[in-house]
Amino acid sequence: MGRLAVLLATAVALAARVLAADQPPEVRPAVERLLHGSWKGGACLGDWTFNADGSYDLRHYTPAGIHLTGTWKMKWDALPPTLSLACKTSDDPELVGKTWEVKVTRLDKEVFIYEHPGGPPLRCTRAESAEAK
């Protein structure tokens, strides 16, 4: 039974990787499209906006309230998937050009939870849209 589970997980990961590779945003895996939009993190986690074009905007990050922009992509070579974030601009010049990779442990319409290597789970909730207000 254990081998079957490993084979199934491997097949799912490979299929998702093939589907996600170089696909336009509208045909990427549905779970990846769930990330699109705005998310509120807790204290110092910031307010994230993930765009369908692969760009992101992060405001109020860290106690210093840093603003970052860059690109994101989901890697499907393992489960849980890895979210790769490349910083293009920042109030902190030391962050520009850096890339972070975090494991996405939960992603649905309301909650986004990720983990830095060796770190605790960090939780963000879907920000209320302007239309809903």
Protein backbone atom coordinates (compact mmCIF):
# COMPACT_ATOMS: atom_id res chain seq x y z
CA MET A 1 0.00 0.00 0.00
CA GLY A 2 2.87 2.40 0.79
CA ARG A 3 4.42 1.97 -2.67
CA LEU A 4 1.09 2.64 -4.33
CA ALA A 5 0.71 5.90 -2.40
CA VAL A 6 4.22 7.00 -3.38
CA LEU A 7 3.59 6.13 -7.04
CA LEU A 8 0.29 7.99 -7.02
CA ALA A 9 1.82 11.09 -5.39
CA THR A 10 4.67 11.03 -7.91
CA ALA A 11 2.26 10.72 -10.84
CA VAL A 12 0.15 13.64 -9.56
CA ALA A 13 3.24 15.82 -9.04
CA LEU A 14 4.57 15.04 -12.52
CA ALA A 15 1.21 15.65 -14.17
CA ALA A 16 0.83 18.99 -12.38
CA ARG A 17 4.36 19.96 -13.37
CA VAL A 18 3.69 19.24 -17.03
CA LEU A 19 0.41 21.16 -16.90
CA ALA A 20 1.98 24.17 -15.14
CA ALA A 21 5.14 24.50 -17.23
CA ASP A 22 5.07 27.55 -19.47
CA GLN A 23 1.29 27.71 -19.56
CA PRO A 24 -0.58 30.99 -19.93
CA PRO A 25 -2.31 32.02 -16.66
CA GLU A 26 -5.76 31.03 -17.86
CA VAL A 27 -4.76 27.36 -18.34
CA ARG A 28 -2.60 26.89 -15.26
CA PRO A 29 -3.83 24.51 -12.56
CA ALA A 30 -6.95 25.76 -10.77
CA VAL A 31 -5.20 25.58 -7.42
CA GLU A 32 -2.54 27.99 -8.71
CA ARG A 33 -5.22 30.45 -9.86
CA LEU A 34 -6.58 30.49 -6.29
CA LEU A 35 -3.51 32.51 -5.35
CA HIS A 36 -4.52 35.39 -7.63
CA GLY A 37 -5.80 38.41 -5.73
CA SER A 38 -5.11 40.13 -2.43
CA TRP A 39 -4.19 38.51 0.89
CA LYS A 40 -3.80 39.95 4.41
CA GLY A 41 -1.03 38.53 6.56
CA GLY A 42 -0.67 38.88 10.30
CA ALA A 43 1.62 41.36 11.99
CA CYS A 44 4.71 41.98 9.84
CA LEU A 45 3.68 39.36 7.23
CA GLY A 46 2.41 42.09 4.97
CA ASP A 47 -0.38 42.49 2.48
CA TRP A 48 0.17 40.44 -0.67
CA THR A 49 -1.26 40.85 -4.15
CA PHE A 50 -0.58 38.02 -6.61
CA ASN A 51 -1.41 38.87 -10.22
CA ALA A 52 -2.27 36.42 -13.01
CA ASP A 53 0.65 37.75 -15.08
CA GLY A 54 3.12 36.33 -12.52
CA SER A 55 3.86 39.60 -10.71
CA TYR A 56 3.36 40.31 -7.03
CA ASP A 57 3.18 43.35 -4.77
CA LEU A 58 3.95 43.06 -1.04
CA ARG A 59 3.29 45.97 1.32
CA HIS A 60 3.82 46.39 5.10
CA TYR A 61 6.34 43.53 5.24
CA THR A 62 8.47 43.19 8.41
CA PRO A 63 8.38 45.63 11.33
CA ALA A 64 9.94 48.22 8.99
CA GLY A 65 6.86 48.10 6.72
CA ILE A 66 8.89 47.35 3.58
CA HIS A 67 7.30 47.46 0.11
CA LEU A 68 8.48 44.85 -2.44
CA THR A 69 7.49 43.95 -5.98
CA GLY A 70 8.60 41.09 -8.16
CA THR A 71 7.57 37.91 -9.88
CA TRP A 72 6.17 34.64 -8.61
CA LYS A 73 5.78 31.12 -9.92
CA MET A 74 4.57 27.85 -8.51
CA LYS A 75 6.87 24.83 -8.78
CA TRP A 76 5.17 21.45 -8.99
CA ASP A 77 8.20 19.13 -8.75
CA ALA A 78 7.20 18.00 -5.25
CA LEU A 79 4.22 18.07 -2.92
CA PRO A 80 3.39 20.39 -1.32
CA PRO A 81 4.19 22.79 -4.17
CA THR A 82 6.85 25.48 -3.82
CA LEU A 83 6.09 29.15 -4.33
CA SER A 84 9.13 30.95 -5.73
CA LEU A 85 9.25 34.73 -5.21
CA ALA A 86 11.85 36.88 -7.00
CA CYS A 87 12.23 40.44 -5.67
CA LYS A 88 12.63 43.11 -8.39
CA THR A 89 12.14 46.32 -6.34
CA SER A 90 12.17 47.08 -2.63
CA ASP A 91 12.54 49.84 -0.06
CA ASP A 92 15.40 47.66 1.24
CA PRO A 93 18.07 47.47 -1.50
CA GLU A 94 19.51 44.28 0.05
CA LEU A 95 16.35 42.39 -0.96
CA VAL A 96 16.48 43.34 -4.65
CA GLY A 97 17.55 40.37 -6.78
CA LYS A 98 16.89 37.81 -4.03
CA THR A 99 14.60 34.82 -4.49
CA TRP A 100 12.68 33.08 -1.71
CA GLU A 101 11.07 29.68 -1.90
CA VAL A 102 8.28 28.67 0.45
CA LYS A 103 6.12 25.55 0.69
CA VAL A 104 2.42 26.17 0.16
CA THR A 105 0.71 23.95 2.73
CA ARG A 106 -2.82 25.30 2.29
CA LEU A 107 -4.46 27.34 -0.42
CA ASP A 108 -8.17 27.78 -0.90
CA LYS A 109 -10.58 30.65 -1.55
CA GLU A 110 -10.15 32.06 1.96
CA VAL A 111 -6.79 30.91 3.39
CA PHE A 112 -3.19 30.82 2.15
CA ILE A 113 -0.63 29.15 4.45
CA TYR A 114 3.05 28.90 3.60
CA GLU A 115 6.27 27.85 5.34
CA HIS A 116 9.84 29.04 4.97
CA PRO A 117 12.35 26.16 5.28
CA GLY A 118 12.51 25.20 8.95
CA GLY A 119 9.98 27.86 9.93
CA PRO A 120 6.47 27.80 11.34
CA PRO A 121 3.36 27.99 9.16
CA LEU A 122 2.44 31.59 8.22
CA ARG A 123 -1.21 32.35 7.55
CA CYS A 124 -2.81 34.91 5.24
CA THR A 125 -6.50 35.43 4.64
CA ARG A 126 -8.24 36.62 1.51
CA ALA A 127 -8.61 40.40 1.50
CA GLU A 128 -12.11 41.71 0.95
CA SER A 129 -12.49 42.93 -2.62
CA ALA A 130 -13.64 46.46 -3.42
CA GLU A 131 -16.83 45.04 -4.98
CA ALA A 132 -17.71 43.17 -1.78
CA LYS A 133 -17.39 46.31 0.39
